[in-house]
């Protein structure tokens, strides 16, 4: 049964659908709270639905009990999914269907390269989020190597340039051929890649707007191209500034970011709102008052029109 959010009483269903999609590799921290709050405010300012998806397909990084802890923390902050949360680990059949569709269309191919082989074959490679631009070694066959992964073939020339407008960051473009190369949809360890899972999940949930941290801006062009290959709609995107530590590094579970103090929800929410430049919300004295002001302030900045 779906949960109806306390901050949108009596609002009719709308075409807008947003989501927050945390990885259960640890508890909620200040950076993930900012992303959750931004996506939540955008959904509420549009009078739309807000969903939570647990992105737990990366088994080695998943921490037992972390997903439940994240959901409990969100509830203490007053953010509850309008529908039952979805776990990616239960959606393997859908990812398989999408990959089969791409195989049938001739848009993917098996790859036998190891990470070291890719690095050794590149003289001028660019590293983006620890992913080396793939040189296309297996495009014309495996050359006797066993298949390890499945890659999506990206076009050459102008067709490889993906342009889009980000609601916070402005005009963006990326040349997939020179900056990314053919990218992985199913990994060598048998697990589904993030790019495929998120595209299929967003489409199946009817997500119209993706609001997340700017650290994921680099993935957007790949996701838009994959949406086109699968004949899926492309959401609007908004990437918010990430929270950094004293050294200027992005706060993350990998850098041992401290769990958010959800025992004082209003205090933490005010800090998150300040990071998003929502100054009026910082004057609220109650949780209900905070959301009332923050939703209005967010809607005014981004021209949100409730449906």
Protein backbone atom coordinates (compact mmCIF):
# COMPACT_ATOMS: atom_id res chain seq x y z
CA UNK A 1 0.00 0.00 0.00
CA UNK A 2 1.32 3.45 -0.91
CA UNK A 3 2.12 6.01 1.75
CA UNK A 4 0.64 9.47 1.27
CA UNK A 5 3.01 12.25 2.24
CA UNK A 6 2.03 14.51 5.12
CA UNK A 7 3.10 17.65 3.24
CA UNK A 8 0.82 17.17 0.24
CA UNK A 9 -2.62 16.50 1.75
CA UNK A 10 -5.45 16.27 -0.72
CA UNK A 11 -3.29 16.94 -3.76
CA UNK A 12 -4.45 15.13 -6.89
CA UNK A 13 -2.12 12.84 -8.81
CA UNK A 14 -0.13 14.72 -11.44
CA UNK A 15 2.02 13.88 -14.41
CA UNK A 16 5.16 14.95 -12.50
CA UNK A 17 7.13 12.13 -10.88
CA UNK A 18 10.44 12.53 -9.09
CA UNK A 19 12.60 10.13 -7.13
CA UNK A 20 15.44 9.74 -4.65
CA UNK A 21 17.65 6.73 -5.33
CA UNK A 22 20.24 6.08 -2.58
CA UNK A 23 22.80 3.28 -2.60
CA UNK A 24 22.66 1.26 0.64
CA UNK A 25 26.41 1.32 1.19
CA UNK A 26 26.03 3.09 4.51
CA UNK A 27 23.72 5.41 6.46
CA UNK A 28 22.29 8.70 5.18
CA UNK A 29 24.87 11.50 5.37
CA UNK A 30 24.78 15.27 4.82
CA UNK A 31 25.41 14.98 1.08
CA UNK A 32 22.69 12.43 0.47
CA UNK A 33 20.25 14.46 2.60
CA UNK A 34 20.80 17.44 0.28
CA UNK A 35 19.95 15.28 -2.76
CA UNK A 36 16.92 13.79 -1.03
CA UNK A 37 15.64 17.21 0.03
CA UNK A 38 16.13 18.76 -3.43
CA UNK A 39 14.26 15.95 -5.17
CA UNK A 40 11.51 16.04 -2.55
CA UNK A 41 11.02 19.81 -2.77
CA UNK A 42 10.92 19.71 -6.56
CA UNK A 43 8.22 17.04 -6.51
CA UNK A 44 6.14 18.88 -3.92
CA UNK A 45 6.53 22.26 -5.64
CA UNK A 46 5.10 20.66 -8.79
CA UNK A 47 2.33 18.92 -6.85
CA UNK A 48 3.74 15.61 -8.05
CA UNK A 49 4.72 12.18 -6.80
CA UNK A 50 7.99 11.47 -4.98
CA UNK A 51 9.37 7.94 -4.98
CA UNK A 52 12.28 6.19 -3.28
CA UNK A 53 14.32 3.52 -5.04
CA UNK A 54 17.04 1.52 -3.29
CA UNK A 55 19.93 1.09 -5.73
CA UNK A 56 21.39 -2.12 -4.34
CA UNK A 57 22.57 -3.89 -7.51
CA UNK A 58 26.23 -3.43 -6.56
CA UNK A 59 26.40 -6.37 -4.16
CA UNK A 60 29.97 -5.85 -2.87
CA UNK A 61 29.13 -2.28 -1.77
CA UNK A 62 25.80 -3.06 -0.16
CA UNK A 63 25.78 -2.96 3.65
CA UNK A 64 23.25 -5.13 5.45
CA UNK A 65 20.53 -3.03 7.08
CA UNK A 66 21.63 0.21 5.40
CA UNK A 67 18.53 0.47 3.18
CA UNK A 68 16.19 0.12 6.14
CA UNK A 69 18.24 2.69 8.05
CA UNK A 70 18.03 5.18 5.17
CA UNK A 71 14.25 4.77 4.92
CA UNK A 72 13.89 5.26 8.68
CA UNK A 73 16.03 8.41 8.57
CA UNK A 74 14.01 9.85 5.69
CA UNK A 75 10.83 9.24 7.68
CA UNK A 76 12.26 11.10 10.67
CA UNK A 77 13.03 14.01 8.34
CA UNK A 78 9.41 13.99 7.21
CA UNK A 79 10.06 12.50 3.75
CA UNK A 80 8.09 9.38 2.85
CA UNK A 81 7.74 7.79 -0.55
CA UNK A 82 4.30 8.11 -2.14
CA UNK A 83 4.57 4.46 -3.18
CA UNK A 84 6.28 1.45 -1.67
CA UNK A 85 10.07 1.75 -2.19
CA UNK A 86 11.56 -0.36 -4.97
CA UNK A 87 14.74 -2.47 -4.60
CA UNK A 88 16.84 -2.92 -7.74
CA UNK A 89 17.86 -6.44 -6.77
CA UNK A 90 14.30 -7.56 -7.53
CA UNK A 91 14.35 -6.17 -11.06
CA UNK A 92 16.89 -8.34 -12.85
CA UNK A 93 14.31 -9.68 -15.31
CA UNK A 94 13.55 -6.17 -16.55
CA UNK A 95 17.23 -5.40 -17.07
CA UNK A 96 17.59 -8.66 -18.99
CA UNK A 97 14.65 -7.73 -21.21
CA UNK A 98 16.24 -4.37 -22.00
CA UNK A 99 19.58 -5.97 -22.82
CA UNK A 100 17.87 -8.55 -25.06
CA UNK A 101 16.12 -5.72 -26.89
CA UNK A 102 19.47 -4.06 -27.55
CA UNK A 103 21.07 -7.35 -28.63
CA UNK A 104 18.25 -7.95 -31.11
CA UNK A 105 18.71 -4.44 -32.48
CA UNK A 106 22.46 -5.01 -32.89
CA UNK A 107 23.35 -2.12 -30.59
CA UNK A 108 25.47 -4.04 -28.07
CA UNK A 109 28.31 -6.53 -28.26
CA UNK A 110 30.21 -8.84 -25.89
CA UNK A 111 33.56 -7.59 -24.62
CA UNK A 112 36.46 -9.69 -23.38
CA UNK A 113 38.79 -6.87 -22.28
CA UNK A 114 40.10 -6.50 -18.75
CA UNK A 115 40.54 -3.06 -17.20
CA UNK A 116 44.32 -3.40 -17.50
CA UNK A 117 44.09 -4.31 -21.18
CA UNK A 118 41.98 -1.25 -21.85
CA UNK A 119 44.45 1.02 -20.06
CA UNK A 120 47.40 -0.55 -21.88
CA UNK A 121 45.75 -0.04 -25.27
CA UNK A 122 45.20 3.68 -24.78
CA UNK A 123 47.89 6.24 -25.39
CA UNK A 124 45.74 9.26 -24.57
CA UNK A 125 42.87 8.22 -22.36
CA UNK A 126 40.66 10.33 -20.20
CA UNK A 127 39.53 9.08 -16.83
CA UNK A 128 35.95 9.99 -15.86
CA UNK A 129 34.57 8.66 -12.59
CA UNK A 130 37.24 5.91 -12.68
CA UNK A 131 35.98 4.66 -16.06
CA UNK A 132 38.50 4.66 -18.90
CA UNK A 133 37.29 5.75 -22.35
CA UNK A 134 36.92 2.42 -24.13
CA UNK A 135 38.87 2.20 -27.44
CA UNK A 136 36.47 -0.26 -29.13
CA UNK A 137 38.81 -3.25 -29.08
CA UNK A 138 36.04 -5.86 -29.23
CA UNK A 139 33.75 -4.04 -31.65
CA UNK A 140 34.67 -6.41 -34.47
CA UNK A 141 34.89 -9.59 -32.38
CA UNK A 142 36.41 -11.16 -29.28
CA UNK A 143 39.61 -12.34 -31.02
CA UNK A 144 39.59 -15.60 -29.08
CA UNK A 145 38.99 -14.03 -25.69
CA UNK A 146 36.03 -15.17 -23.55
CA UNK A 147 33.15 -12.71 -23.23
CA UNK A 148 33.25 -10.82 -19.94
CA UNK A 149 30.83 -7.91 -20.31
CA UNK A 150 28.26 -6.37 -22.64
CA UNK A 151 28.89 -2.92 -24.11
CA UNK A 152 26.59 -0.44 -25.85
CA UNK A 153 28.01 0.76 -29.16
CA UNK A 154 28.07 4.58 -29.32
CA UNK A 155 28.01 6.40 -32.68
CA UNK A 156 30.90 8.28 -34.21
CA UNK A 157 30.97 11.89 -35.33
CA UNK A 158 28.19 14.35 -34.59
CA UNK A 159 25.83 11.54 -33.60
CA UNK A 160 27.97 10.92 -30.52
CA UNK A 161 27.44 14.44 -29.17
CA UNK A 162 24.62 14.51 -26.62
CA UNK A 163 23.24 17.94 -25.71
CA UNK A 164 20.76 18.71 -22.96
CA UNK A 165 19.64 21.53 -20.71
CA UNK A 166 20.15 21.05 -16.99
CA UNK A 167 17.72 23.00 -14.81
CA UNK A 168 20.51 24.07 -12.41
CA UNK A 169 23.75 23.72 -14.38
CA UNK A 170 22.53 25.10 -17.72
CA UNK A 171 23.45 23.89 -21.23
CA UNK A 172 25.50 20.68 -21.31
CA UNK A 173 27.05 18.48 -23.94
CA UNK A 174 29.26 15.41 -24.06
CA UNK A 175 30.93 13.58 -26.93
CA UNK A 176 30.37 9.95 -26.04
CA UNK A 177 32.82 8.64 -28.63
CA UNK A 178 35.84 10.64 -27.45
CA UNK A 179 35.01 11.08 -23.76
CA UNK A 180 33.40 7.75 -22.82
CA UNK A 181 33.52 5.17 -25.59
CA UNK A 182 31.28 2.12 -25.79
CA UNK A 183 30.08 1.71 -22.21
CA UNK A 184 29.23 -1.33 -20.12
CA UNK A 185 25.62 -2.45 -19.52
CA UNK A 186 26.41 -5.77 -17.87
CA UNK A 187 29.63 -6.08 -15.93
CA UNK A 188 32.29 -8.76 -16.06
CA UNK A 189 31.26 -9.95 -12.58
CA UNK A 190 27.73 -10.62 -13.88
CA UNK A 191 26.14 -7.63 -12.20
CA UNK A 192 24.02 -5.07 -14.03
CA UNK A 193 25.66 -1.72 -14.66
CA UNK A 194 24.27 1.43 -13.09
CA UNK A 195 23.57 3.10 -16.44
CA UNK A 196 21.21 0.36 -17.65
CA UNK A 197 19.45 -0.13 -14.32
CA UNK A 198 18.71 3.54 -13.73
CA UNK A 199 17.36 4.10 -17.24
CA UNK A 200 15.01 1.11 -17.06
CA UNK A 201 13.92 1.92 -13.51
CA UNK A 202 13.16 5.56 -14.24
CA UNK A 203 11.14 4.68 -17.32
CA UNK A 204 9.14 1.93 -15.59
CA UNK A 205 8.32 4.26 -12.66
CA UNK A 206 7.21 7.05 -14.98
CA UNK A 207 9.88 9.43 -13.67
CA UNK A 208 9.62 12.79 -15.43
CA UNK A 209 12.28 14.71 -13.48
CA UNK A 210 15.61 13.52 -12.12
CA UNK A 211 17.02 15.70 -9.33
CA UNK A 212 20.38 14.53 -7.97
CA UNK A 213 23.95 15.58 -7.16
CA UNK A 214 26.21 17.18 -9.75
CA UNK A 215 28.64 14.30 -9.31
CA UNK A 216 26.24 12.30 -11.52
CA UNK A 217 26.07 14.95 -14.25
CA UNK A 218 28.72 13.04 -16.20
CA UNK A 219 26.41 10.00 -16.45
CA UNK A 220 23.51 11.93 -17.96
CA UNK A 221 24.61 11.89 -21.61
CA UNK A 222 25.06 8.11 -21.47
CA UNK A 223 21.63 7.70 -19.96
CA UNK A 224 19.99 9.94 -22.57
CA UNK A 225 21.64 7.99 -25.39
CA UNK A 226 20.54 4.68 -23.84
CA UNK A 227 16.98 6.01 -23.48
CA UNK A 228 17.00 6.76 -27.20
CA UNK A 229 18.28 3.29 -28.03
CA UNK A 230 15.46 1.72 -25.96
CA UNK A 231 12.81 4.16 -27.29
CA UNK A 232 12.19 5.46 -23.77
CA UNK A 233 11.25 9.03 -22.77
CA UNK A 234 13.97 11.35 -21.49
CA UNK A 235 13.27 13.05 -18.13
CA UNK A 236 14.27 16.60 -17.31
CA UNK A 237 17.45 16.82 -15.25
CA UNK A 238 18.55 19.04 -12.37
CA UNK A 239 21.93 18.51 -10.72
CA UNK A 240 22.54 20.22 -7.37
CA UNK A 241 25.97 21.13 -5.93
CA UNK A 242 27.49 18.37 -3.81
CA UNK A 243 28.49 18.77 -0.19
CA UNK A 244 32.27 18.70 0.35
CA UNK A 245 34.52 18.14 3.32
CA UNK A 246 37.28 20.38 4.67
CA UNK A 247 39.60 19.19 1.90
CA UNK A 248 37.11 20.00 -0.84
CA UNK A 249 36.34 16.33 -1.45
CA UNK A 250 32.76 15.22 -2.07
CA UNK A 251 31.13 13.74 1.02
CA UNK A 252 30.40 10.07 0.40
CA UNK A 253 30.23 6.75 2.16
CA UNK A 254 33.48 5.79 0.44
CA UNK A 255 35.24 8.69 2.16
CA UNK A 256 33.67 7.70 5.48
CA UNK A 257 31.23 10.60 5.67
CA UNK A 258 29.62 10.74 9.09
CA UNK A 259 25.96 9.64 9.37
CA UNK A 260 23.49 12.49 9.52
CA UNK A 261 22.16 13.31 13.00
CA UNK A 262 18.50 12.50 12.38
CA UNK A 263 17.71 13.01 16.07
CA UNK A 264 17.60 16.74 15.29
CA UNK A 265 15.81 16.73 11.94
CA UNK A 266 15.02 20.45 11.72
CA UNK A 267 18.64 21.43 12.37
CA UNK A 268 19.91 19.06 9.66
CA UNK A 269 17.25 20.14 7.18
CA UNK A 270 18.13 23.81 7.69
CA UNK A 271 21.77 23.03 6.90
CA UNK A 272 20.74 21.14 3.76
CA UNK A 273 18.45 24.02 2.72
CA UNK A 274 21.28 26.52 3.20
CA UNK A 275 23.49 24.43 0.90
CA UNK A 276 20.70 24.70 -1.70
CA UNK A 277 20.59 28.49 -1.13
CA UNK A 278 17.10 28.33 0.41
CA UNK A 279 17.61 31.01 3.03
CA UNK A 280 14.03 31.69 4.06
CA UNK A 281 13.50 28.06 5.09
CA UNK A 282 16.34 28.42 7.58
CA UNK A 283 14.17 30.67 9.72
CA UNK A 284 11.50 28.03 10.35
CA UNK A 285 10.91 26.89 13.92
CA UNK A 286 8.99 23.66 13.17
CA UNK A 287 9.30 20.83 10.68
CA UNK A 288 5.93 21.66 9.12
CA UNK A 289 6.86 25.31 8.85
CA UNK A 290 10.18 24.42 7.26
CA UNK A 291 8.57 22.42 4.47
CA UNK A 292 5.90 25.04 3.85
CA UNK A 293 8.52 27.76 3.29
CA UNK A 294 11.09 25.53 1.54
CA UNK A 295 8.57 24.21 -1.01
CA UNK A 296 7.39 27.74 -1.80
CA UNK A 297 10.95 29.06 -2.03
CA UNK A 298 12.06 26.21 -4.30
CA UNK A 299 9.01 26.59 -6.53
CA UNK A 300 9.57 30.32 -6.94
CA UNK A 301 13.23 29.85 -7.91
CA UNK A 302 12.61 27.17 -10.53
CA UNK A 303 9.24 28.35 -11.78
CA UNK A 304 7.48 25.18 -10.66
CA UNK A 305 3.80 25.09 -11.60
CA UNK A 306 1.66 22.57 -9.69
CA UNK A 307 -0.26 20.32 -12.05
